[in-house]
N, C-alpha and C. Protein backbone atom coordinates (compact mmCIF):
# COMPACT_ATOMS: atom_id res chain seq x y z
N MET A 1 0.84 -1.18 0.00
CA MET A 1 0.00 0.00 0.00
C MET A 1 0.89 1.24 0.00
N THR A 2 0.45 2.27 -0.67
CA THR A 2 1.20 3.50 -0.78
C THR A 2 0.91 4.40 0.41
N LYS A 3 1.96 4.94 1.00
CA LYS A 3 1.78 5.88 2.10
C LYS A 3 1.45 7.26 1.53
N VAL A 4 0.42 7.88 2.06
CA VAL A 4 -0.04 9.17 1.57
C VAL A 4 0.20 10.23 2.64
N SER A 5 0.97 11.27 2.28
CA SER A 5 1.15 12.37 3.22
C SER A 5 -0.10 13.24 3.20
N ARG A 6 -0.23 14.06 4.21
CA ARG A 6 -1.45 14.85 4.40
C ARG A 6 -1.73 15.79 3.22
N ASN A 7 -0.70 16.42 2.64
CA ASN A 7 -0.90 17.43 1.62
C ASN A 7 -0.74 16.90 0.20
N GLN A 8 -0.44 15.63 0.05
CA GLN A 8 -0.19 15.09 -1.27
C GLN A 8 -1.49 14.79 -2.00
N ARG A 9 -1.52 15.15 -3.29
CA ARG A 9 -2.69 14.86 -4.11
C ARG A 9 -2.84 13.35 -4.26
N ASN A 10 -4.06 12.84 -4.13
CA ASN A 10 -4.28 11.41 -4.29
C ASN A 10 -5.69 11.15 -4.79
N ILE A 11 -5.87 9.95 -5.32
CA ILE A 11 -7.17 9.51 -5.81
C ILE A 11 -7.29 8.03 -5.48
N GLN A 12 -8.47 7.62 -5.02
CA GLN A 12 -8.72 6.22 -4.72
C GLN A 12 -9.88 5.76 -5.58
N VAL A 13 -9.68 4.64 -6.27
CA VAL A 13 -10.69 4.12 -7.19
C VAL A 13 -10.90 2.63 -6.99
N ASN A 14 -12.06 2.17 -7.39
CA ASN A 14 -12.32 0.75 -7.55
C ASN A 14 -12.32 0.47 -9.05
N ILE A 15 -11.65 -0.61 -9.45
CA ILE A 15 -11.72 -1.06 -10.83
C ILE A 15 -12.95 -1.96 -10.92
N LEU A 16 -13.81 -1.70 -11.90
CA LEU A 16 -15.08 -2.40 -12.00
C LEU A 16 -15.05 -3.45 -13.11
N ASN A 17 -15.81 -4.54 -12.90
CA ASN A 17 -15.93 -5.56 -13.93
C ASN A 17 -17.09 -5.20 -14.86
N ASP A 18 -17.46 -6.11 -15.75
CA ASP A 18 -18.53 -5.85 -16.72
C ASP A 18 -19.90 -5.65 -16.07
N ASN A 19 -20.06 -6.12 -14.83
CA ASN A 19 -21.32 -5.94 -14.10
C ASN A 19 -21.28 -4.73 -13.17
N ASN A 20 -20.28 -3.87 -13.35
CA ASN A 20 -20.07 -2.69 -12.51
C ASN A 20 -19.89 -3.03 -11.05
N GLU A 21 -19.25 -4.17 -10.78
CA GLU A 21 -18.93 -4.58 -9.42
C GLU A 21 -17.42 -4.44 -9.24
N PRO A 22 -16.96 -4.06 -8.05
CA PRO A 22 -15.52 -3.91 -7.80
C PRO A 22 -14.76 -5.23 -8.00
N CYS A 23 -13.61 -5.13 -8.62
CA CYS A 23 -12.69 -6.27 -8.80
C CYS A 23 -11.57 -6.11 -7.79
N GLY A 24 -11.69 -6.70 -6.65
CA GLY A 24 -10.62 -6.61 -5.66
C GLY A 24 -10.71 -5.36 -4.81
N LEU A 25 -9.58 -5.06 -4.18
CA LEU A 25 -9.50 -3.92 -3.25
C LEU A 25 -9.36 -2.61 -3.99
N PRO A 26 -9.71 -1.49 -3.34
CA PRO A 26 -9.51 -0.18 -3.96
C PRO A 26 -8.03 0.08 -4.23
N VAL A 27 -7.78 0.90 -5.25
CA VAL A 27 -6.42 1.30 -5.65
C VAL A 27 -6.26 2.77 -5.29
N THR A 28 -5.19 3.10 -4.55
CA THR A 28 -4.89 4.49 -4.21
C THR A 28 -3.65 4.92 -4.96
N LEU A 29 -3.76 6.02 -5.68
CA LEU A 29 -2.63 6.57 -6.43
C LEU A 29 -2.32 7.96 -5.88
N VAL A 30 -1.04 8.29 -5.85
CA VAL A 30 -0.62 9.58 -5.30
C VAL A 30 0.26 10.31 -6.29
N GLY A 31 0.39 11.61 -6.09
CA GLY A 31 1.32 12.42 -6.88
C GLY A 31 0.99 12.44 -8.36
N ARG A 32 2.04 12.24 -9.18
CA ARG A 32 1.87 12.31 -10.63
C ARG A 32 0.99 11.18 -11.17
N GLU A 33 0.98 10.03 -10.50
CA GLU A 33 0.10 8.95 -10.93
C GLU A 33 -1.36 9.36 -10.77
N ALA A 34 -1.66 10.02 -9.65
CA ALA A 34 -3.02 10.53 -9.42
C ALA A 34 -3.36 11.62 -10.44
N PHE A 35 -2.40 12.50 -10.71
CA PHE A 35 -2.59 13.57 -11.70
C PHE A 35 -2.90 12.96 -13.07
N THR A 36 -2.13 11.94 -13.45
CA THR A 36 -2.31 11.31 -14.76
C THR A 36 -3.67 10.63 -14.86
N LEU A 37 -4.07 9.92 -13.81
CA LEU A 37 -5.38 9.28 -13.84
C LEU A 37 -6.49 10.32 -13.92
N ARG A 38 -6.37 11.42 -13.19
CA ARG A 38 -7.38 12.49 -13.24
C ARG A 38 -7.47 13.04 -14.66
N LYS A 39 -6.33 13.26 -15.33
CA LYS A 39 -6.34 13.77 -16.71
C LYS A 39 -7.00 12.78 -17.66
N LEU A 40 -6.74 11.48 -17.47
CA LEU A 40 -7.37 10.45 -18.30
C LEU A 40 -8.88 10.43 -18.07
N LEU A 41 -9.31 10.53 -16.82
CA LEU A 41 -10.74 10.57 -16.52
C LEU A 41 -11.41 11.79 -17.16
N ASP A 42 -10.76 12.94 -17.06
CA ASP A 42 -11.32 14.18 -17.61
C ASP A 42 -11.37 14.14 -19.14
N ALA A 43 -10.37 13.52 -19.77
CA ALA A 43 -10.27 13.52 -21.23
C ALA A 43 -11.28 12.59 -21.89
N GLY A 44 -11.70 11.54 -21.18
CA GLY A 44 -12.64 10.59 -21.77
C GLY A 44 -12.02 9.91 -22.98
N ASP A 45 -12.80 9.70 -24.04
CA ASP A 45 -12.33 8.97 -25.21
C ASP A 45 -11.35 9.79 -26.07
N ARG A 46 -11.23 11.07 -25.82
CA ARG A 46 -10.26 11.90 -26.55
C ARG A 46 -8.85 11.49 -26.18
N GLY A 47 -8.65 11.10 -24.92
CA GLY A 47 -7.33 10.67 -24.46
C GLY A 47 -6.39 11.82 -24.21
N ILE A 48 -5.17 11.48 -23.78
CA ILE A 48 -4.14 12.49 -23.52
C ILE A 48 -2.84 12.03 -24.16
N SER A 49 -1.96 12.98 -24.42
CA SER A 49 -0.65 12.65 -24.98
C SER A 49 0.40 13.57 -24.40
N SER A 50 1.65 13.22 -24.64
CA SER A 50 2.75 14.06 -24.16
C SER A 50 2.80 15.39 -24.91
N LEU A 51 2.14 15.48 -26.05
CA LEU A 51 2.06 16.76 -26.75
C LEU A 51 1.18 17.74 -25.97
N ASP A 52 0.19 17.20 -25.23
CA ASP A 52 -0.70 18.03 -24.41
C ASP A 52 -0.10 18.35 -23.06
N HIS A 53 0.74 17.46 -22.56
CA HIS A 53 1.29 17.58 -21.20
C HIS A 53 2.82 17.53 -21.26
N VAL A 54 3.39 18.54 -21.88
CA VAL A 54 4.84 18.59 -22.05
C VAL A 54 5.50 18.73 -20.69
N GLY A 55 6.55 17.96 -20.48
CA GLY A 55 7.34 18.11 -19.26
C GLY A 55 7.18 16.98 -18.27
N ILE A 56 6.05 16.29 -18.29
CA ILE A 56 5.93 15.16 -17.37
C ILE A 56 6.28 13.88 -18.11
N ARG A 57 6.71 12.89 -17.39
CA ARG A 57 7.08 11.60 -17.98
C ARG A 57 5.82 10.74 -18.12
N LEU A 58 4.98 11.16 -19.03
CA LEU A 58 3.64 10.58 -19.16
C LEU A 58 3.67 9.07 -19.36
N SER A 59 4.55 8.57 -20.22
CA SER A 59 4.58 7.12 -20.46
C SER A 59 4.94 6.36 -19.19
N HIS A 60 5.79 6.93 -18.35
CA HIS A 60 6.16 6.29 -17.10
C HIS A 60 4.97 6.20 -16.15
N TYR A 61 4.21 7.28 -16.05
CA TYR A 61 3.06 7.29 -15.15
C TYR A 61 1.96 6.37 -15.66
N VAL A 62 1.79 6.28 -16.99
CA VAL A 62 0.83 5.34 -17.56
C VAL A 62 1.25 3.91 -17.24
N MET A 63 2.55 3.62 -17.34
CA MET A 63 3.04 2.29 -16.99
C MET A 63 2.71 1.95 -15.54
N LYS A 64 2.86 2.92 -14.65
CA LYS A 64 2.56 2.68 -13.23
C LYS A 64 1.06 2.46 -13.02
N LEU A 65 0.21 3.15 -13.79
CA LEU A 65 -1.23 2.91 -13.71
C LEU A 65 -1.54 1.48 -14.16
N ARG A 66 -0.89 1.05 -15.24
CA ARG A 66 -1.10 -0.31 -15.73
C ARG A 66 -0.67 -1.34 -14.69
N ARG A 67 0.45 -1.09 -14.04
CA ARG A 67 0.92 -2.01 -13.00
C ARG A 67 -0.05 -2.08 -11.82
N ALA A 68 -0.82 -1.02 -11.63
CA ALA A 68 -1.82 -0.99 -10.55
C ALA A 68 -3.10 -1.71 -10.98
N GLY A 69 -3.16 -2.18 -12.23
CA GLY A 69 -4.32 -2.93 -12.70
C GLY A 69 -5.29 -2.14 -13.55
N ILE A 70 -4.95 -0.90 -13.88
CA ILE A 70 -5.83 -0.03 -14.67
C ILE A 70 -5.46 -0.19 -16.15
N THR A 71 -6.45 -0.44 -16.99
CA THR A 71 -6.21 -0.63 -18.41
C THR A 71 -6.17 0.72 -19.13
N VAL A 72 -5.04 0.98 -19.78
CA VAL A 72 -4.85 2.20 -20.57
C VAL A 72 -4.36 1.77 -21.94
N GLU A 73 -5.09 2.17 -22.98
CA GLU A 73 -4.71 1.83 -24.35
C GLU A 73 -3.81 2.92 -24.92
N THR A 74 -2.81 2.52 -25.70
CA THR A 74 -1.97 3.46 -26.43
C THR A 74 -2.37 3.42 -27.89
N VAL A 75 -2.83 4.54 -28.42
CA VAL A 75 -3.27 4.64 -29.81
C VAL A 75 -2.23 5.44 -30.58
N PRO A 76 -1.53 4.81 -31.55
CA PRO A 76 -0.56 5.55 -32.36
C PRO A 76 -1.28 6.60 -33.20
N THR A 77 -0.77 7.84 -33.17
CA THR A 77 -1.41 8.95 -33.87
C THR A 77 -0.34 9.75 -34.61
N GLU A 78 -0.57 9.96 -35.91
CA GLU A 78 0.38 10.75 -36.71
C GLU A 78 0.19 12.23 -36.44
N HIS A 79 1.29 12.97 -36.51
CA HIS A 79 1.23 14.42 -36.37
C HIS A 79 2.20 15.06 -37.35
N GLY A 80 1.89 16.29 -37.72
CA GLY A 80 2.73 17.05 -38.65
C GLY A 80 3.61 18.02 -37.90
N GLY A 81 3.82 19.17 -38.49
CA GLY A 81 4.63 20.20 -37.86
C GLY A 81 6.10 20.11 -38.27
N ASP A 82 6.94 20.79 -37.52
CA ASP A 82 8.37 20.81 -37.83
C ASP A 82 9.02 19.43 -37.71
N TYR A 83 8.49 18.61 -36.84
CA TYR A 83 9.03 17.27 -36.61
C TYR A 83 7.91 16.23 -36.74
N PRO A 84 7.45 15.97 -37.97
CA PRO A 84 6.34 15.04 -38.14
C PRO A 84 6.72 13.63 -37.72
N GLY A 85 5.72 12.89 -37.32
CA GLY A 85 5.96 11.52 -36.89
C GLY A 85 4.72 10.93 -36.26
N VAL A 86 4.95 10.01 -35.34
CA VAL A 86 3.86 9.33 -34.66
C VAL A 86 4.07 9.46 -33.16
N HIS A 87 3.00 9.74 -32.44
CA HIS A 87 3.06 9.77 -30.98
C HIS A 87 1.90 8.94 -30.44
N GLY A 88 1.99 8.59 -29.19
CA GLY A 88 0.94 7.80 -28.57
C GLY A 88 -0.08 8.67 -27.87
N VAL A 89 -1.34 8.33 -28.05
CA VAL A 89 -2.43 8.96 -27.30
C VAL A 89 -2.94 7.89 -26.34
N TYR A 90 -2.95 8.21 -25.05
CA TYR A 90 -3.36 7.27 -24.02
C TYR A 90 -4.85 7.45 -23.73
N LYS A 91 -5.57 6.31 -23.72
CA LYS A 91 -7.01 6.34 -23.46
C LYS A 91 -7.34 5.35 -22.35
N LEU A 92 -8.08 5.82 -21.37
CA LEU A 92 -8.50 4.98 -20.26
C LEU A 92 -9.55 3.99 -20.74
N ARG A 93 -9.32 2.70 -20.50
CA ARG A 93 -10.26 1.67 -20.93
C ARG A 93 -10.90 0.94 -19.76
N SER A 94 -10.36 1.05 -18.56
CA SER A 94 -10.98 0.44 -17.38
C SER A 94 -12.18 1.26 -16.95
N GLN A 95 -13.21 0.56 -16.48
CA GLN A 95 -14.33 1.23 -15.85
C GLN A 95 -13.94 1.43 -14.38
N LEU A 96 -14.04 2.65 -13.90
CA LEU A 96 -13.61 2.97 -12.54
C LEU A 96 -14.73 3.64 -11.77
N SER A 97 -14.71 3.43 -10.47
CA SER A 97 -15.57 4.14 -9.54
C SER A 97 -14.64 4.94 -8.62
N VAL A 98 -14.76 6.26 -8.66
CA VAL A 98 -13.90 7.11 -7.84
C VAL A 98 -14.46 7.16 -6.42
N LEU A 99 -13.65 6.74 -5.46
CA LEU A 99 -14.06 6.72 -4.06
C LEU A 99 -13.64 7.99 -3.34
N LYS A 100 -12.41 8.42 -3.55
CA LYS A 100 -11.87 9.65 -2.95
C LYS A 100 -11.02 10.33 -4.00
N ASP A 101 -11.06 11.66 -4.00
CA ASP A 101 -10.30 12.41 -5.00
C ASP A 101 -9.98 13.81 -4.47
N ASN A 102 -8.72 14.08 -4.24
CA ASN A 102 -8.34 15.45 -3.91
C ASN A 102 -7.35 15.99 -4.93
N THR A 103 -7.40 15.46 -6.16
CA THR A 103 -6.48 15.92 -7.20
C THR A 103 -6.80 17.32 -7.69
N ARG A 104 -7.98 17.80 -7.39
CA ARG A 104 -8.37 19.14 -7.84
C ARG A 104 -8.26 20.16 -6.72
N ALA A 105 -7.88 19.73 -5.53
CA ALA A 105 -7.82 20.64 -4.39
C ALA A 105 -6.82 21.76 -4.64
N GLY A 106 -7.23 22.97 -4.38
CA GLY A 106 -6.36 24.12 -4.53
C GLY A 106 -6.10 24.53 -5.96
N ALA A 107 -6.82 23.94 -6.90
CA ALA A 107 -6.58 24.27 -8.32
C ALA A 107 -7.28 25.52 -8.71
């Protein structure tokens, strides 16, 4: 279990099965992992990418969400500009029930 300090941003969720019932114990995420999950929840099917959130190690935080049991899909997306190529757009695919959330506190 992750230790949560009093002032640290955190979110606690239940991962739900196809019948909207919790699968196991609640998952608590803190810091950037909580921030990343909140951004995924807010984005919905549009998803998020490192082009939208420059500066954070987005792929690392998505990996940590996956290790916590949360399903996040990576959709390859082409982009133009000065450096055209392909980047990943992350989309939340797990059904979640948010139990506690202070990721927006003080925003």
